[in-house]
Amino acid sequence: ADDCIITVKSKAAAKRVMQSVTSWIERKLGLKVNASK
């Protein structure tokens, strides 16, 4: 459903993916990512 988990191999990759995927969701889908959760 709306619970999505992504796994990567390093902390740097995790930070990069978190940022770019969050931005993509908000830009392309018009949804809001809950930053605090």
Full PDB file with SEQRES, HELIX, SHEET, SSBOND, CRYST1, ORIGX, SCALE, CONECT and MASTER records, all heavy atoms in Angstrom:
SEQRES   1 A   37  ALA ASP ASP CYS ILE ILE THR VAL LYS SER LYS ALA ALA          
SEQRES   2 A   37  ALA LYS ARG VAL MET GLN SER VAL THR SER TRP ILE GLU          
SEQRES   3 A   37  ARG LYS LEU GLY LEU LYS VAL ASN ALA SER LYS                  
HELIX    1 AA1 LYS A   11  TRP A   24  1                                  14    
HELIX    2 AA2 ILE A   25  LEU A   29  3                                   5    
CRYST1    1.000    1.000    1.000  90.00  90.00  90.00 P 1           1          
ORIGX1      1.000000  0.000000  0.000000        0.00000                         
ORIGX2      0.000000  1.000000  0.000000        0.00000                         
ORIGX3      0.000000  0.000000  1.000000        0.00000                         
SCALE1      1.000000  0.000000  0.000000        0.00000                         
SCALE2      0.000000  1.000000  0.000000        0.00000                         
SCALE3      0.000000  0.000000  1.000000        0.00000                         
ATOM      1  N   ALA A   1       0.869  -1.202   0.000  1.00  0.00           N  
ATOM      2  CA  ALA A   1       0.000   0.000   0.000  1.00  0.00           C  
ATOM      3  C   ALA A   1       0.896   1.239   0.000  1.00  0.00           C  
ATOM      4  O   ALA A   1       1.787   1.357  -0.834  1.00  0.00           O  
ATOM      5  CB  ALA A   1      -0.976  -0.035   1.161  1.00  0.00           C  
ATOM      6  N   ASP A   2       0.719   2.134   0.995  1.00  0.00           N  
ATOM      7  CA  ASP A   2       1.541   3.349   0.977  1.00  0.00           C  
ATOM      8  C   ASP A   2       2.790   3.233   1.865  1.00  0.00           C  
ATOM      9  O   ASP A   2       3.454   4.232   2.164  1.00  0.00           O  
ATOM     10  CB  ASP A   2       0.702   4.579   1.381  1.00  0.00           C  
ATOM     11  CG  ASP A   2       0.063   4.420   2.757  1.00  0.00           C  
ATOM     12  OD1 ASP A   2      -0.142   3.279   3.196  1.00  0.00           O  
ATOM     13  OD2 ASP A   2      -0.232   5.429   3.411  1.00  0.00           O  
ATOM     14  N   ASP A   3       3.107   1.994   2.310  1.00  0.00           N  
ATOM     15  CA  ASP A   3       4.330   1.768   3.103  1.00  0.00           C  
ATOM     16  C   ASP A   3       5.447   1.288   2.191  1.00  0.00           C  
ATOM     17  O   ASP A   3       5.447   0.147   1.733  1.00  0.00           O  
ATOM     18  CB  ASP A   3       4.084   0.689   4.182  1.00  0.00           C  
ATOM     19  CG  ASP A   3       3.295   1.239   5.344  1.00  0.00           C  
ATOM     20  OD1 ASP A   3       3.385   2.434   5.579  1.00  0.00           O  
ATOM     21  OD2 ASP A   3       2.595   0.471   6.021  1.00  0.00           O  
ATOM     22  N   CYS A   4       6.411   2.172   1.936  1.00  0.00           N  
ATOM     23  CA  CYS A   4       7.481   1.831   0.987  1.00  0.00           C  
ATOM     24  C   CYS A   4       8.840   1.827   1.691  1.00  0.00           C  
ATOM     25  O   CYS A   4       9.169   2.761   2.420  1.00  0.00           O  
ATOM     26  CB  CYS A   4       7.483   2.850  -0.158  1.00  0.00           C  
ATOM     27  SG  CYS A   4       8.691   2.434  -1.440  1.00  0.00           S  
ATOM     28  N   ILE A   5       9.588   0.758   1.472  1.00  0.00           N  
ATOM     29  CA  ILE A   5      10.927   0.616   2.051  1.00  0.00           C  
ATOM     30  C   ILE A   5      11.933   0.417   0.916  1.00  0.00           C  
ATOM     31  O   ILE A   5      11.725  -0.430   0.041  1.00  0.00           O  
ATOM     32  CB  ILE A   5      10.993  -0.606   3.007  1.00  0.00           C  
ATOM     33  CG1 ILE A   5      10.032  -0.435   4.183  1.00  0.00           C  
ATOM     34  CG2 ILE A   5      12.400  -0.884   3.474  1.00  0.00           C  
ATOM     35  CD1 ILE A   5      10.479   0.493   5.247  1.00  0.00           C  
ATOM     36  N   ILE A   6      13.024   1.189   0.954  1.00  0.00           N  
ATOM     37  CA  ILE A   6      14.106   1.022  -0.027  1.00  0.00           C  
ATOM     38  C   ILE A   6      15.361   0.623   0.746  1.00  0.00           C  
ATOM     39  O   ILE A   6      15.619   1.161   1.830  1.00  0.00           O  
ATOM     40  CB  ILE A   6      14.362   2.348  -0.795  1.00  0.00           C  
ATOM     41  CG1 ILE A   6      13.054   2.858  -1.438  1.00  0.00           C  
ATOM     42  CG2 ILE A   6      15.426   2.169  -1.872  1.00  0.00           C  
ATOM     43  CD1 ILE A   6      13.133   4.297  -1.941  1.00  0.00           C  
ATOM     44  N   THR A   7      16.140  -0.311   0.208  1.00  0.00           N  
ATOM     45  CA  THR A   7      17.380  -0.693   0.911  1.00  0.00           C  
ATOM     46  C   THR A   7      18.586  -0.457  -0.006  1.00  0.00           C  
ATOM     47  O   THR A   7      18.542  -0.761  -1.202  1.00  0.00           O  
ATOM     48  CB  THR A   7      17.357  -2.177   1.346  1.00  0.00           C  
ATOM     49  OG1 THR A   7      17.271  -2.993   0.179  1.00  0.00           O  
ATOM     50  CG2 THR A   7      16.161  -2.488   2.233  1.00  0.00           C  
ATOM     51  N   VAL A   8      19.659   0.081   0.596  1.00  0.00           N  
ATOM     52  CA  VAL A   8      20.907   0.340  -0.151  1.00  0.00           C  
ATOM     53  C   VAL A   8      22.089  -0.116   0.708  1.00  0.00           C  
ATOM     54  O   VAL A   8      21.922  -0.551   1.840  1.00  0.00           O  
ATOM     55  CB  VAL A   8      21.058   1.849  -0.516  1.00  0.00           C  
ATOM     56  CG1 VAL A   8      19.994   2.281  -1.505  1.00  0.00           C  
ATOM     57  CG2 VAL A   8      20.987   2.713   0.754  1.00  0.00           C  
ATOM     58  N   LYS A   9      23.325   0.025   0.153  1.00  0.00           N  
ATOM     59  CA  LYS A   9      24.495  -0.553   0.855  1.00  0.00           C  
ATOM     60  C   LYS A   9      25.283   0.443   1.698  1.00  0.00           C  
ATOM     61  O   LYS A   9      26.137   0.036   2.485  1.00  0.00           O  
ATOM     62  CB  LYS A   9      25.423  -1.207  -0.175  1.00  0.00           C  
ATOM     63  CG  LYS A   9      24.898  -2.570  -0.628  1.00  0.00           C  
ATOM     64  CD  LYS A   9      25.919  -3.404  -1.349  1.00  0.00           C  
ATOM     65  CE  LYS A   9      25.429  -4.840  -1.531  1.00  0.00           C  
ATOM     66  NZ  LYS A   9      26.313  -5.691  -2.288  1.00  0.00           N  
ATOM     67  N   SER A  10      25.048   1.759   1.506  1.00  0.00           N  
ATOM     68  CA  SER A  10      25.847   2.695   2.317  1.00  0.00           C  
ATOM     69  C   SER A  10      24.993   3.853   2.806  1.00  0.00           C  
ATOM     70  O   SER A  10      23.941   4.149   2.240  1.00  0.00           O  
ATOM     71  CB  SER A  10      27.005   3.259   1.494  1.00  0.00           C  
ATOM     72  OG  SER A  10      26.475   4.151   0.489  1.00  0.00           O  
ATOM     73  N   LYS A  11      25.494   4.514   3.831  1.00  0.00           N  
ATOM     74  CA  LYS A  11      24.783   5.647   4.414  1.00  0.00           C  
ATOM     75  C   LYS A  11      24.691   6.802   3.404  1.00  0.00           C  
ATOM     76  O   LYS A  11      23.666   7.469   3.294  1.00  0.00           O  
ATOM     77  CB  LYS A  11      25.519   6.108   5.683  1.00  0.00           C  
ATOM     78  CG  LYS A  11      24.717   7.123   6.498  1.00  0.00           C  
ATOM     79  CD  LYS A  11      25.428   7.464   7.781  1.00  0.00           C  
ATOM     80  CE  LYS A  11      24.548   8.379   8.653  1.00  0.00           C  
ATOM     81  NZ  LYS A  11      25.216   8.668   9.943  1.00  0.00           N  
ATOM     82  N   ALA A  12      25.773   7.002   2.671  1.00  0.00           N  
ATOM     83  CA  ALA A  12      25.793   8.097   1.679  1.00  0.00           C  
ATOM     84  C   ALA A  12      24.736   7.860   0.606  1.00  0.00           C  
ATOM     85  O   ALA A  12      23.986   8.773   0.223  1.00  0.00           O  
ATOM     86  CB  ALA A  12      27.176   8.195   1.043  1.00  0.00           C  
ATOM     87  N   ALA A  13      24.644   6.598   0.135  1.00  0.00           N  
ATOM     88  CA  ALA A  13      23.624   6.258  -0.871  1.00  0.00           C  
ATOM     89  C   ALA A  13      22.227   6.464  -0.289  1.00  0.00           C  
ATOM     90  O   ALA A  13      21.319   6.960  -0.975  1.00  0.00           O  
ATOM     91  CB  ALA A  13      23.796   4.807  -1.322  1.00  0.00           C  
ATOM     92  N   ALA A  14      22.052   6.094   0.976  1.00  0.00           N  
ATOM     93  CA  ALA A  14      20.740   6.235   1.623  1.00  0.00           C  
ATOM     94  C   ALA A  14      20.310   7.701   1.649  1.00  0.00           C  
ATOM     95  O   ALA A  14      19.173   8.036   1.337  1.00  0.00           O  
ATOM     96  CB  ALA A  14      20.786   5.658   3.038  1.00  0.00           C  
ATOM     97  N   LYS A  15      21.241   8.574   2.021  1.00  0.00           N  
ATOM     98  CA  LYS A  15      20.922  10.010   2.083  1.00  0.00           C  
ATOM     99  C   LYS A  15      20.553  10.543   0.707  1.00  0.00           C  
ATOM    100  O   LYS A  15      19.602  11.307   0.534  1.00  0.00           O  
ATOM    101  CB  LYS A  15      22.122  10.793   2.634  1.00  0.00           C  
ATOM    102  CG  LYS A  15      22.264  10.665   4.153  1.00  0.00           C  
ATOM    103  CD  LYS A  15      23.420  11.512   4.640  1.00  0.00           C  
ATOM    104  CE  LYS A  15      23.475  11.587   6.146  1.00  0.00           C  
ATOM    105  NZ  LYS A  15      24.692  12.247   6.623  1.00  0.00           N  
ATOM    106  N   ARG A  16      21.336  10.116  -0.285  1.00  0.00           N  
ATOM    107  CA  ARG A  16      21.110  10.563  -1.666  1.00  0.00           C  
ATOM    108  C   ARG A  16      19.741  10.099  -2.175  1.00  0.00           C  
ATOM    109  O   ARG A  16      18.970  10.871  -2.731  1.00  0.00           O  
ATOM    110  CB  ARG A  16      22.234   9.990  -2.542  1.00  0.00           C  
ATOM    111  CG  ARG A  16      22.463  10.717  -3.846  1.00  0.00           C  
ATOM    112  CD  ARG A  16      23.742  10.305  -4.545  1.00  0.00           C  
ATOM    113  NE  ARG A  16      23.836   8.861  -4.781  1.00  0.00           N  
ATOM    114  CZ  ARG A  16      24.733   8.053  -4.186  1.00  0.00           C  
ATOM    115  NH1 ARG A  16      25.641   8.564  -3.383  1.00  0.00           N  
ATOM    116  NH2 ARG A  16      24.754   6.743  -4.436  1.00  0.00           N  
ATOM    117  N   VAL A  17      19.420   8.829  -1.918  1.00  0.00           N  
ATOM    118  CA  VAL A  17      18.153   8.251  -2.394  1.00  0.00           C  
ATOM    119  C   VAL A  17      16.973   8.895  -1.665  1.00  0.00           C  
ATOM    120  O   VAL A  17      15.971   9.247  -2.279  1.00  0.00           O  
ATOM    121  CB  VAL A  17      18.157   6.708  -2.215  1.00  0.00           C  
ATOM    122  CG1 VAL A  17      16.764   6.132  -2.423  1.00  0.00           C  
ATOM    123  CG2 VAL A  17      19.146   6.063  -3.179  1.00  0.00           C  
ATOM    124  N   MET A  18      17.103   9.054  -0.352  1.00  0.00           N  
ATOM    125  CA  MET A  18      16.024   9.673   0.418  1.00  0.00           C  
ATOM    126  C   MET A  18      15.667  11.033  -0.176  1.00  0.00           C  
ATOM    127  O   MET A  18      14.507  11.359  -0.404  1.00  0.00           O  
ATOM    128  CB  MET A  18      16.448   9.812   1.890  1.00  0.00           C  
ATOM    129  CG  MET A  18      15.516  10.649   2.738  1.00  0.00           C  
ATOM    130  SD  MET A  18      13.908   9.902   3.024  1.00  0.00           S  
ATOM    131  CE  MET A  18      14.117   9.161   4.627  1.00  0.00           C  
ATOM    132  N   GLN A  19      16.696  11.820  -0.438  1.00  0.00           N  
ATOM    133  CA  GLN A  19      16.492  13.178  -0.964  1.00  0.00           C  
ATOM    134  C   GLN A  19      15.854  13.155  -2.363  1.00  0.00           C  
ATOM    135  O   GLN A  19      14.858  13.839  -2.609  1.00  0.00           O  
ATOM    136  CB  GLN A  19      17.847  13.898  -1.008  1.00  0.00           C  
ATOM    137  CG  GLN A  19      17.666  15.436  -1.030  1.00  0.00           C  
ATOM    138  CD  GLN A  19      19.025  16.112  -0.915  1.00  0.00           C  
ATOM    139  OE1 GLN A  19      20.071  15.498  -0.858  1.00  0.00           O  
ATOM    140  NE2 GLN A  19      19.008  17.398  -0.873  1.00  0.00           N  
ATOM    141  N   SER A  20      16.443  12.366  -3.255  1.00  0.00           N  
ATOM    142  CA  SER A  20      15.973  12.414  -4.652  1.00  0.00           C  
ATOM    143  C   SER A  20      14.587  11.775  -4.804  1.00  0.00           C  
ATOM    144  O   SER A  20      13.756  12.263  -5.569  1.00  0.00           O  
ATOM    145  CB  SER A  20      16.985  11.749  -5.589  1.00  0.00           C  
ATOM    146  OG  SER A  20      17.026  10.365  -5.335  1.00  0.00           O  
ATOM    147  N   VAL A  21      14.306  10.694  -4.054  1.00  0.00           N  
ATOM    148  CA  VAL A  21      12.989  10.042  -4.160  1.00  0.00           C  
ATOM    149  C   VAL A  21      11.908  10.925  -3.536  1.00  0.00           C  
ATOM    150  O   VAL A  21      10.817  11.068  -4.088  1.00  0.00           O  
ATOM    151  CB  VAL A  21      13.010   8.621  -3.531  1.00  0.00           C  
ATOM    152  CG1 VAL A  21      11.594   8.055  -3.433  1.00  0.00           C  
ATOM    153  CG2 VAL A  21      13.893   7.682  -4.356  1.00  0.00           C  
ATOM    154  N   THR A  22      12.216  11.548  -2.402  1.00  0.00           N  
ATOM    155  CA  THR A  22      11.259  12.470  -1.772  1.00  0.00           C  
ATOM    156  C   THR A  22      10.886  13.579  -2.745  1.00  0.00           C  
ATOM    157  O   THR A  22       9.709  13.888  -2.955  1.00  0.00           O  
ATOM    158  CB  THR A  22      11.848  13.067  -0.472  1.00  0.00           C  
ATOM    159  OG1 THR A  22      12.080  11.991   0.446  1.00  0.00           O  
ATOM    160  CG2 THR A  22      10.920  14.085   0.160  1.00  0.00           C  
ATOM    161  N   SER A  23      11.899  14.166  -3.340  1.00  0.00           N  
ATOM    162  CA  SER A  23      11.669  15.268  -4.292  1.00  0.00           C  
ATOM    163  C   SER A  23      10.833  14.772  -5.479  1.00  0.00           C  
ATOM    164  O   SER A  23       9.899  15.456  -5.921  1.00  0.00           O  
ATOM    165  CB  SER A  23      13.036  15.808  -4.746  1.00  0.00           C  
ATOM    166  OG  SER A  23      12.955  16.396  -5.966  1.00  0.00           O  
ATOM    167  N   TRP A  24      11.121  13.559  -5.979  1.00  0.00           N  
ATOM    168  CA  TRP A  24      10.380  13.008  -7.127  1.00  0.00           C  
ATOM    169  C   TRP A  24       8.902  12.788  -6.775  1.00  0.00           C  
ATOM    170  O   TRP A  24       8.014  13.148  -7.540  1.00  0.00           O  
ATOM    171  CB  TRP A  24      11.032  11.683  -7.575  1.00  0.00           C  
ATOM    172  CG  TRP A  24      10.418  11.139  -8.834  1.00  0.00           C  
ATOM    173  CD1 TRP A  24      10.816  11.399 -10.117  1.00  0.00           C  
ATOM    174  CD2 TRP A  24       9.278  10.280  -8.925  1.00  0.00           C  
ATOM    175  NE1 TRP A  24       9.984  10.749 -11.007  1.00  0.00           N  
ATOM    176  CE2 TRP A  24       9.028  10.050 -10.300  1.00  0.00           C  
ATOM    177  CE3 TRP A  24       8.426   9.684  -7.991  1.00  0.00           C  
ATOM    178  CZ2 TRP A  24       7.988   9.253 -10.754  1.00  0.00           C  
ATOM    179  CZ3 TRP A  24       7.377   8.889  -8.440  1.00  0.00           C  
ATOM    180  CH2 TRP A  24       7.178   8.673  -9.799  1.00  0.00           C  
ATOM    181  N   ILE A  25       8.644  12.231  -5.591  1.00  0.00           N  
ATOM    182  CA  ILE A  25       7.254  11.960  -5.152  1.00  0.00           C  
ATOM    183  C   ILE A  25       6.463  13.267  -5.090  1.00  0.00           C  
ATOM    184  O   ILE A  25       5.328  13.355  -5.559  1.00  0.00           O  
ATOM    185  CB  ILE A  25       7.236  11.247  -3.775  1.00  0.00           C  
ATOM    186  CG1 ILE A  25       7.771   9.815  -3.919  1.00  0.00           C  
ATOM    187  CG2 ILE A  25       5.841  11.245  -3.161  1.00  0.00           C  
ATOM    188  CD1 ILE A  25       7.991   9.088  -2.590  1.00  0.00           C  
ATOM    189  N   GLU A  26       7.075  14.293  -4.503  1.00  0.00           N  
ATOM    190  CA  GLU A  26       6.346  15.556  -4.318  1.00  0.00           C  
ATOM    191  C   GLU A  26       6.144  16.281  -5.653  1.00  0.00           C  
ATOM    192  O   GLU A  26       5.107  16.880  -5.897  1.00  0.00           O  
ATOM    193  CB  GLU A  26       7.078  16.428  -3.290  1.00  0.00           C  
ATOM    194  CG  GLU A  26       7.061  15.743  -1.912  1.00  0.00           C  
ATOM    195  CD  GLU A  26       7.547  16.568  -0.749  1.00  0.00           C  
ATOM    196  OE1 GLU A  26       8.288  17.537  -0.995  1.00  0.00           O  
ATOM    197  OE2 GLU A  26       7.206  16.253   0.431  1.00  0.00           O  
ATOM    198  N   ARG A  27       7.158  16.182  -6.514  1.00  0.00           N  
ATOM    199  CA  ARG A  27       7.097  16.876  -7.807  1.00  0.00           C  
ATOM    200  C   ARG A  27       6.170  16.172  -8.798  1.00  0.00           C  
ATOM    201  O   ARG A  27       5.300  16.774  -9.406  1.00  0.00           O  
ATOM    202  CB  ARG A  27       8.520  16.941  -8.380  1.00  0.00           C  
ATOM    203  CG  ARG A  27       8.949  18.241  -8.955  1.00  0.00           C  
ATOM    204  CD  ARG A  27      10.357  18.308  -9.431  1.00  0.00           C  
ATOM    205  NE  ARG A  27      10.811  17.139 -10.175  1.00  0.00           N  
ATOM    206  CZ  ARG A  27      11.655  16.227  -9.720  1.00  0.00           C  
ATOM    207  NH1 ARG A  27      12.165  16.403  -8.526  1.00  0.00           N  
ATOM    208  NH2 ARG A  27      12.039  15.176 -10.439  1.00  0.00           N  
ATOM    209  N   LYS A  28       6.371  14.850  -8.934  1.00  0.00           N  
ATOM    210  CA  LYS A  28       5.689  14.107 -10.010  1.00  0.00           C  
ATOM    211  C   LYS A  28       4.303  13.576  -9.613  1.00  0.00           C  
ATOM    212  O   LYS A  28       3.420  13.434 -10.436  1.00  0.00           O  
ATOM    213  CB  LYS A  28       6.554  12.919 -10.464  1.00  0.00           C  
ATOM    214  CG  LYS A  28       7.876  13.330 -11.121  1.00  0.00           C  
ATOM    215  CD  LYS A  28       7.658  13.855 -12.532  1.00  0.00           C  
ATOM    216  CE  LYS A  28       8.969  14.108 -13.217  1.00  0.00           C  
ATOM    217  NZ  LYS A  28       8.926  14.596 -14.493  1.00  0.00           N  
ATOM    218  N   LEU A  29       4.151  13.231  -8.346  1.00  0.00           N  
ATOM    219  CA  LEU A  29       2.873  12.636  -7.939  1.00  0.00           C  
ATOM    220  C   LEU A  29       1.986  13.611  -7.183  1.00  0.00           C  
ATOM    221  O   LEU A  29       0.814  13.323  -6.922  1.00  0.00           O  
ATOM    222  CB  LEU A  29       3.112  11.371  -7.080  1.00  0.00           C  
ATOM    223  CG  LEU A  29       3.847  10.205  -7.767  1.00  0.00           C  
ATOM    224  CD1 LEU A  29       3.951   9.013  -6.809  1.00  0.00           C  
ATOM    225  CD2 LEU A  29       3.143   9.772  -9.048  1.00  0.00           C  
ATOM    226  N   GLY A  30       2.586  14.744  -6.778  1.00  0.00           N  
ATOM    227  CA  GLY A  30       1.785  15.725  -6.024  1.00  0.00           C  
ATOM    228  C   GLY A  30       1.416  15.250  -4.634  1.00  0.00           C  
ATOM    229  O   GLY A  30       0.418  15.679  -4.043  1.00  0.00           O  
ATOM    230  N   LEU A  31       2.232  14.328  -4.083  1.00  0.00           N  
ATOM    231  CA  LEU A  31       1.975  13.826  -2.732  1.00  0.00           C  
ATOM    232  C   LEU A  31       2.970  14.451  -1.766  1.00  0.00           C  
ATOM    233  O   LEU A  31       4.023  14.932  -2.166  1.00  0.00           O  
ATOM    234  CB  LEU A  31       2.126  12.291  -2.698  1.00  0.00           C  
ATOM    235  CG  LEU A  31       1.115  11.512  -3.552  1.00  0.00           C  
ATOM    236  CD1 LEU A  31       1.574  10.065  -3.720  1.00  0.00           C  
ATOM    237  CD2 LEU A  31      -0.269  11.545  -2.935  1.00  0.00           C  
ATOM    238  N   LYS A  32       2.658  14.376  -0.485  1.00  0.00           N  
ATOM    239  CA  LYS A  32       3.525  14.992   0.515  1.00  0.00           C  
ATOM    240  C   LYS A  32       4.228  13.878   1.303  1.00  0.00           C  
ATOM    241  O   LYS A  32       3.590  12.937   1.794  1.00  0.00           O  
ATOM    242  CB  LYS A  32       2.651  15.853   1.462  1.00  0.00           C  
ATOM    243  CG  LYS A  32       3.434  16.604   2.538  1.00  0.00           C  
ATOM    244  CD  LYS A  32       3.756  18.041   2.091  1.00  0.00           C  
ATOM    245  CE  LYS A  32       4.448  18.800   3.255  1.00  0.00           C  
ATOM    246  NZ  LYS A  32       5.858  18.503   3.339  1.00  0.00           N  
ATOM    247  N   VAL A  33       5.545  13.976   1.392  1.00  0.00           N  
ATOM    248  CA  VAL A  33       6.307  13.037   2.222  1.00  0.00           C  
ATOM    249  C   VAL A  33       6.412  13.614   3.632  1.00  0.00           C  
ATOM    250  O   VAL A  33       6.782  14.772   3.805  1.00  0.00           O  
ATOM    251  CB  VAL A  33       7.708  12.776   1.625  1.00  0.00           C  
ATOM    252  CG1 VAL A  33       8.571  11.955   2.585  1.00  0.00           C  
ATOM    253  CG2 VAL A  33       7.569  12.054   0.270  1.00  0.00           C  
ATOM    254  N   ASN A  34       6.060  12.796   4.620  1.00  0.00           N  
ATOM    255  CA  ASN A  34       6.117  13.234   6.015  1.00  0.00           C  
ATOM    256  C   ASN A  34       7.565  13.173   6.514  1.00  0.00           C  
ATOM    257  O   ASN A  34       8.088  12.099   6.828  1.00  0.00           O  
ATOM    258  CB  ASN A  34       5.204  12.329   6.861  1.00  0.00           C  
ATOM    259  CG  ASN A  34       5.056  12.825   8.268  1.00  0.00           C  
ATOM    260  OD1 ASN A  34       5.935  13.498   8.812  1.00  0.00           O  
ATOM    261  ND2 ASN A  34       3.930  12.515   8.882  1.00  0.00           N  
ATOM    262  N   ALA A  35       8.191  14.348   6.562  1.00  0.00           N  
ATOM    263  CA  ALA A  35       9.628  14.408   6.901  1.00  0.00           C  
ATOM    264  C   ALA A  35       9.898  13.919   8.323  1.00  0.00           C  
ATOM    265  O   ALA A  35      10.924  13.306   8.608  1.00  0.00           O  
ATOM    266  CB  ALA A  35      10.135  15.838   6.733  1.00  0.00           C  
ATOM    267  N   SER A  36       8.950  14.176   9.245  1.00  0.00           N  
ATOM    268  CA  SER A  36       9.210  13.782  10.642  1.00  0.00           C  
ATOM    269  C   SER A  36       9.114  12.261  10.834  1.00  0.00           C  
ATOM    270  O   SER A  36       9.726  11.703  11.743  1.00  0.00           O  
ATOM    271  CB  SER A  36       8.214  14.483  11.584  1.00  0.00           C  
ATOM    272  OG  SER A  36       6.880  14.073  11.252  1.00  0.00           O  
ATOM    273  N   LYS A  37       8.344  11.573   9.973  1.00  0.00           N  
ATOM    274  CA  LYS A  37       8.224  10.117  10.143  1.00  0.00           C  
ATOM    275  C   LYS A  37       9.115   9.326   9.172  1.00  0.00           C  
ATOM    276  O   LYS A  37       9.389   8.158   9.400  1.00  0.00           O  
ATOM    277  CB  LYS A  37       6.755   9.678   9.944  1.00  0.00           C  
ATOM    278  CG  LYS A  37       5.850  10.091  11.096  1.00  0.00           C  
ATOM    279  CD  LYS A  37       4.482   9.481  10.938  1.00  0.00           C  
ATOM    280  CE  LYS A  37       3.553   9.857  12.072  1.00  0.00           C  
ATOM    281  NZ  LYS A  37       2.182   9.372  11.782  1.00  0.00           N  
TER     282      LYS A  37                                                      
MASTER        0    0    0    2    0    0    0    6  281    1    0    3          
END                                                                             
